[in-house]
Amino acid sequence: MKLLSLIIAGLLVSGCGSQVLQPETPEAIIERSSQQRIFYAPYDEVWKAAHSVIKYTIAAENQDFGVIETDYIKAVDGWLPPFRTRPQYPSSRYKIVISFARGKKSEAQENVRVTIEKKIEVFKDFISEVKTVNSDGFEEKTIFYRIERELVIAKALRKSSENPN
């Protein structure tokens, strides 16, 4: 009985020691960070800026929880990068989910982390199961850019109204 318990204890100790944590791949880190951006502005301003740049029908939104979700958009009706003339997956649809998280309030300025997720579903035919694919990230980057521009414009307008000279 003691021999059996020693063998089991030895296996448990050696099993835990041989397990090495694998570092995250650079591609996974880039993909995760490219879907997020931190804006140094008040939460309400970032929310308003995001609302002004979304040109799709909004299916659900909740400012308290920090979520904006669009209806499904057919790929043929959606956004295309300048270098494409037609969608990569013509028989697909997608929706965009934008999440907002307030940062720690510091004396200097507020900040908000915005995460944009584009969920793409590809249909082969009526019978086949829906296949999900990863986004190329171009539309998300465009939305981030537009939010940033809206915040810059709002800041400039606020500054010019405070100091009319």
C-alpha atoms as a PDB file:
ATOM      1  CA  MET A   1       0.000   0.000   0.000  1.00  0.00           C
ATOM      2  CA  LYS A   2       2.847   2.391   0.830  1.00  0.00           C
ATOM      3  CA  LEU A   3       4.520   1.527  -2.472  1.00  0.00           C
ATOM      4  CA  LEU A   4       1.337   2.371  -4.395  1.00  0.00           C
ATOM      5  CA  SER A   5       0.967   5.728  -2.615  1.00  0.00           C
ATOM      6  CA  LEU A   6       4.632   6.556  -3.301  1.00  0.00           C
ATOM      7  CA  ILE A   7       4.177   5.806  -7.022  1.00  0.00           C
ATOM      8  CA  ILE A   8       1.050   7.957  -7.220  1.00  0.00           C
ATOM      9  CA  ALA A   9       2.735  10.814  -5.331  1.00  0.00           C
ATOM     10  CA  GLY A  10       5.765  10.577  -7.640  1.00  0.00           C
ATOM     11  CA  LEU A  11       3.573  10.720 -10.727  1.00  0.00           C
ATOM     12  CA  LEU A  12       1.671  13.723  -9.415  1.00  0.00           C
ATOM     13  CA  VAL A  13       4.846  15.641  -8.573  1.00  0.00           C
ATOM     14  CA  SER A  14       6.582  14.848 -11.861  1.00  0.00           C
ATOM     15  CA  GLY A  15       3.411  15.520 -13.894  1.00  0.00           C
ATOM     16  CA  CYS A  16       3.054  19.028 -12.503  1.00  0.00           C
ATOM     17  CA  GLY A  17       6.746  19.816 -12.886  1.00  0.00           C
ATOM     18  CA  SER A  18       7.012  18.783 -16.527  1.00  0.00           C
ATOM     19  CA  GLN A  19       4.158  20.982 -17.672  1.00  0.00           C
ATOM     20  CA  VAL A  20       5.586  24.151 -19.196  1.00  0.00           C
ATOM     21  CA  LEU A  21       3.417  27.151 -19.923  1.00  0.00           C
ATOM     22  CA  GLN A  22       3.487  27.971 -23.619  1.00  0.00           C
ATOM     23  CA  PRO A  23       3.884  31.645 -24.375  1.00  0.00           C
ATOM     24  CA  GLU A  24       1.175  33.256 -26.452  1.00  0.00           C
ATOM     25  CA  THR A  25       1.988  33.448 -30.155  1.00  0.00           C
ATOM     26  CA  PRO A  26       2.808  36.869 -31.603  1.00  0.00           C
ATOM     27  CA  GLU A  27      -0.113  36.530 -34.026  1.00  0.00           C
ATOM     28  CA  ALA A  28      -2.560  36.004 -31.144  1.00  0.00           C
ATOM     29  CA  ILE A  29      -1.173  39.015 -29.268  1.00  0.00           C
ATOM     30  CA  ILE A  30      -1.414  41.246 -32.351  1.00  0.00           C
ATOM     31  CA  GLU A  31      -4.940  40.047 -33.148  1.00  0.00           C
ATOM     32  CA  ARG A  32      -6.157  40.683 -29.601  1.00  0.00           C
ATOM     33  CA  SER A  33      -4.516  44.110 -29.320  1.00  0.00           C
ATOM     34  CA  SER A  34      -5.614  45.237 -32.786  1.00  0.00           C
ATOM     35  CA  GLN A  35      -9.232  44.875 -31.673  1.00  0.00           C
ATOM     36  CA  GLN A  36      -8.728  47.270 -28.750  1.00  0.00           C
ATOM     37  CA  ARG A  37      -7.745  50.868 -28.361  1.00  0.00           C
ATOM     38  CA  ILE A  38      -7.587  53.239 -25.409  1.00  0.00           C
ATOM     39  CA  PHE A  39      -8.975  56.744 -25.846  1.00  0.00           C
ATOM     40  CA  TYR A  40      -8.033  59.454 -23.373  1.00  0.00           C
ATOM     41  CA  ALA A  41     -11.387  61.207 -23.183  1.00  0.00           C
ATOM     42  CA  PRO A  42     -14.502  61.106 -20.997  1.00  0.00           C
ATOM     43  CA  TYR A  43     -16.689  58.019 -21.368  1.00  0.00           C
ATOM     44  CA  ASP A  44     -19.718  59.964 -22.637  1.00  0.00           C
ATOM     45  CA  GLU A  45     -17.674  61.623 -25.386  1.00  0.00           C
ATOM     46  CA  VAL A  46     -16.249  58.304 -26.581  1.00  0.00           C
ATOM     47  CA  TRP A  47     -19.756  56.778 -26.566  1.00  0.00           C
ATOM     48  CA  LYS A  48     -21.108  59.701 -28.591  1.00  0.00           C
ATOM     49  CA  ALA A  49     -18.204  59.537 -31.051  1.00  0.00           C
ATOM     50  CA  ALA A  50     -18.742  55.806 -31.600  1.00  0.00           C
ATOM     51  CA  HIS A  51     -22.434  56.407 -32.201  1.00  0.00           C
ATOM     52  CA  SER A  52     -21.697  59.057 -34.804  1.00  0.00           C
ATOM     53  CA  VAL A  53     -19.348  56.817 -36.827  1.00  0.00           C
ATOM     54  CA  ILE A  54     -21.538  53.702 -36.938  1.00  0.00           C
ATOM     55  CA  LYS A  55     -23.553  53.796 -40.136  1.00  0.00           C
ATOM     56  CA  TYR A  56     -25.353  50.475 -39.605  1.00  0.00           C
ATOM     57  CA  THR A  57     -28.655  49.730 -37.920  1.00  0.00           C
ATOM     58  CA  ILE A  58     -28.122  49.229 -34.198  1.00  0.00           C
ATOM     59  CA  ALA A  59     -29.756  46.080 -32.816  1.00  0.00           C
ATOM     60  CA  ALA A  60     -28.896  46.581 -29.156  1.00  0.00           C
ATOM     61  CA  GLU A  61     -27.154  49.161 -27.041  1.00  0.00           C
ATOM     62  CA  ASN A  62     -26.652  49.811 -23.375  1.00  0.00           C
ATOM     63  CA  GLN A  63     -24.529  52.718 -22.261  1.00  0.00           C
ATOM     64  CA  ASP A  64     -24.437  51.550 -18.633  1.00  0.00           C
ATOM     65  CA  PHE A  65     -22.963  48.168 -19.628  1.00  0.00           C
ATOM     66  CA  GLY A  66     -20.948  49.738 -22.451  1.00  0.00           C
ATOM     67  CA  VAL A  67     -22.146  47.723 -25.450  1.00  0.00           C
ATOM     68  CA  ILE A  68     -23.287  48.652 -28.955  1.00  0.00           C
ATOM     69  CA  GLU A  69     -24.279  45.807 -31.287  1.00  0.00           C
ATOM     70  CA  THR A  70     -25.364  46.188 -34.911  1.00  0.00           C
ATOM     71  CA  ASP A  71     -27.852  44.117 -36.870  1.00  0.00           C
ATOM     72  CA  TYR A  72     -26.423  41.543 -39.251  1.00  0.00           C
ATOM     73  CA  ILE A  73     -25.124  43.154 -42.423  1.00  0.00           C
ATOM     74  CA  LYS A  74     -24.878  41.255 -45.699  1.00  0.00           C
ATOM     75  CA  ALA A  75     -21.314  41.284 -46.969  1.00  0.00           C
ATOM     76  CA  VAL A  76     -22.418  42.644 -50.341  1.00  0.00           C
ATOM     77  CA  ASP A  77     -24.056  45.610 -48.544  1.00  0.00           C
ATOM     78  CA  GLY A  78     -21.253  46.181 -46.043  1.00  0.00           C
ATOM     79  CA  TRP A  79     -17.977  48.030 -45.932  1.00  0.00           C
ATOM     80  CA  LEU A  80     -15.176  47.242 -48.400  1.00  0.00           C
ATOM     81  CA  PRO A  81     -11.545  48.288 -48.098  1.00  0.00           C
ATOM     82  CA  PRO A  82     -10.331  50.523 -50.946  1.00  0.00           C
ATOM     83  CA  PHE A  83      -8.281  47.755 -52.558  1.00  0.00           C
ATOM     84  CA  ARG A  84     -11.229  45.341 -52.945  1.00  0.00           C
ATOM     85  CA  THR A  85     -14.007  45.544 -55.503  1.00  0.00           C
ATOM     86  CA  ARG A  86     -16.129  42.803 -53.965  1.00  0.00           C
ATOM     87  CA  PRO A  87     -16.339  41.081 -50.566  1.00  0.00           C
ATOM     88  CA  GLN A  88     -13.910  38.332 -49.656  1.00  0.00           C
ATOM     89  CA  TYR A  89     -16.853  36.080 -48.705  1.00  0.00           C
ATOM     90  CA  PRO A  90     -19.848  37.160 -50.833  1.00  0.00           C
ATOM     91  CA  SER A  91     -22.239  34.698 -49.188  1.00  0.00           C
ATOM     92  CA  SER A  92     -21.563  35.957 -45.682  1.00  0.00           C
ATOM     93  CA  ARG A  93     -23.012  38.329 -43.163  1.00  0.00           C
ATOM     94  CA  TYR A  94     -21.499  40.050 -40.173  1.00  0.00           C
ATOM     95  CA  LYS A  95     -22.283  42.157 -37.166  1.00  0.00           C
ATOM     96  CA  ILE A  96     -20.140  44.507 -35.184  1.00  0.00           C
ATOM     97  CA  VAL A  97     -20.015  44.530 -31.390  1.00  0.00           C
ATOM     98  CA  ILE A  98     -18.360  47.508 -29.708  1.00  0.00           C
ATOM     99  CA  SER A  99     -17.567  47.263 -25.992  1.00  0.00           C
ATOM    100  CA  PHE A 100     -16.547  50.157 -23.764  1.00  0.00           C
ATOM    101  CA  ALA A 101     -14.704  49.915 -20.441  1.00  0.00           C
ATOM    102  CA  ARG A 102     -13.935  52.861 -18.212  1.00  0.00           C
ATOM    103  CA  GLY A 103     -10.354  53.211 -17.107  1.00  0.00           C
ATOM    104  CA  LYS A 104      -9.140  54.299 -13.716  1.00  0.00           C
ATOM    105  CA  LYS A 105      -9.840  57.932 -13.052  1.00  0.00           C
ATOM    106  CA  SER A 106      -6.635  59.796 -12.558  1.00  0.00           C
ATOM    107  CA  GLU A 107      -6.008  63.442 -11.887  1.00  0.00           C
ATOM    108  CA  ALA A 108      -4.761  63.973 -15.429  1.00  0.00           C
ATOM    109  CA  GLN A 109      -7.568  62.594 -17.580  1.00  0.00           C
ATOM    110  CA  GLU A 110     -10.171  59.892 -18.010  1.00  0.00           C
ATOM    111  CA  ASN A 111      -9.647  56.988 -20.379  1.00  0.00           C
ATOM    112  CA  VAL A 112     -11.864  54.436 -22.067  1.00  0.00           C
ATOM    113  CA  ARG A 113     -10.861  51.109 -23.593  1.00  0.00           C
ATOM    114  CA  VAL A 114     -12.872  50.340 -26.706  1.00  0.00           C
ATOM    115  CA  THR A 115     -13.006  46.822 -28.140  1.00  0.00           C
ATOM    116  CA  ILE A 116     -14.456  46.167 -31.580  1.00  0.00           C
ATOM    117  CA  GLU A 117     -15.349  42.649 -32.634  1.00  0.00           C
ATOM    118  CA  LYS A 118     -16.547  41.854 -36.137  1.00  0.00           C
ATOM    119  CA  LYS A 119     -18.377  38.505 -36.158  1.00  0.00           C
ATOM    120  CA  ILE A 120     -18.466  37.057 -39.673  1.00  0.00           C
ATOM    121  CA  GLU A 121     -20.669  34.089 -40.636  1.00  0.00           C
ATOM    122  CA  VAL A 122     -20.123  32.408 -44.012  1.00  0.00           C
ATOM    123  CA  PHE A 123     -22.892  30.371 -45.644  1.00  0.00           C
ATOM    124  CA  LYS A 124     -21.988  27.735 -48.235  1.00  0.00           C
ATOM    125  CA  ASP A 125     -25.553  26.651 -48.960  1.00  0.00           C
ATOM    126  CA  PHE A 126     -28.882  26.200 -47.201  1.00  0.00           C
ATOM    127  CA  ILE A 127     -27.990  22.789 -45.783  1.00  0.00           C
ATOM    128  CA  SER A 128     -24.433  23.304 -44.576  1.00  0.00           C
ATOM    129  CA  GLU A 129     -23.594  24.602 -41.155  1.00  0.00           C
ATOM    130  CA  VAL A 130     -22.574  28.236 -40.765  1.00  0.00           C
ATOM    131  CA  LYS A 131     -18.811  28.743 -40.633  1.00  0.00           C
ATOM    132  CA  THR A 132     -17.309  31.615 -38.655  1.00  0.00           C
ATOM    133  CA  VAL A 133     -14.150  33.292 -39.935  1.00  0.00           C
ATOM    134  CA  ASN A 134     -11.813  35.888 -38.506  1.00  0.00           C
ATOM    135  CA  SER A 135     -11.982  39.452 -39.692  1.00  0.00           C
ATOM    136  CA  ASP A 136      -9.101  41.016 -41.597  1.00  0.00           C
ATOM    137  CA  GLY A 137      -9.313  43.958 -39.169  1.00  0.00           C
ATOM    138  CA  PHE A 138      -9.574  46.736 -41.748  1.00  0.00           C
ATOM    139  CA  GLU A 139     -13.092  47.855 -40.860  1.00  0.00           C
ATOM    140  CA  GLU A 140     -12.272  47.821 -37.156  1.00  0.00           C
ATOM    141  CA  LYS A 141      -9.211  50.022 -37.750  1.00  0.00           C
ATOM    142  CA  THR A 142     -11.350  52.386 -39.805  1.00  0.00           C
ATOM    143  CA  ILE A 143     -13.903  52.665 -36.996  1.00  0.00           C
ATOM    144  CA  PHE A 144     -11.116  53.340 -34.471  1.00  0.00           C
ATOM    145  CA  TYR A 145      -9.706  56.045 -36.743  1.00  0.00           C
ATOM    146  CA  ARG A 146     -13.112  57.688 -37.171  1.00  0.00           C
ATOM    147  CA  ILE A 147     -13.784  57.633 -33.411  1.00  0.00           C
ATOM    148  CA  GLU A 148     -10.403  59.269 -32.828  1.00  0.00           C
ATOM    149  CA  ARG A 149     -11.140  61.981 -35.415  1.00  0.00           C
ATOM    150  CA  GLU A 150     -14.553  62.685 -33.858  1.00  0.00           C
ATOM    151  CA  LEU A 151     -12.896  63.110 -30.451  1.00  0.00           C
ATOM    152  CA  VAL A 152     -10.259  65.470 -31.890  1.00  0.00           C
ATOM    153  CA  ILE A 153     -12.937  67.566 -33.583  1.00  0.00           C
ATOM    154  CA  ALA A 154     -15.060  67.693 -30.410  1.00  0.00           C
ATOM    155  CA  LYS A 155     -12.015  68.775 -28.385  1.00  0.00           C
ATOM    156  CA  ALA A 156     -11.152  71.499 -30.912  1.00  0.00           C
ATOM    157  CA  LEU A 157     -14.730  72.791 -30.918  1.00  0.00           C
ATOM    158  CA  ARG A 158     -14.814  72.846 -27.116  1.00  0.00           C
ATOM    159  CA  LYS A 159     -11.485  74.684 -27.016  1.00  0.00           C
ATOM    160  CA  SER A 160     -12.579  77.272 -29.574  1.00  0.00           C
ATOM    161  CA  SER A 161     -15.824  77.969 -27.714  1.00  0.00           C
ATOM    162  CA  GLU A 162     -13.930  78.483 -24.445  1.00  0.00           C
ATOM    163  CA  ASN A 163     -11.373  80.830 -26.013  1.00  0.00           C
ATOM    164  CA  PRO A 164     -12.993  82.855 -28.817  1.00  0.00           C
ATOM    165  CA  ASN A 165      -9.750  84.740 -29.652  1.00  0.00           C
END
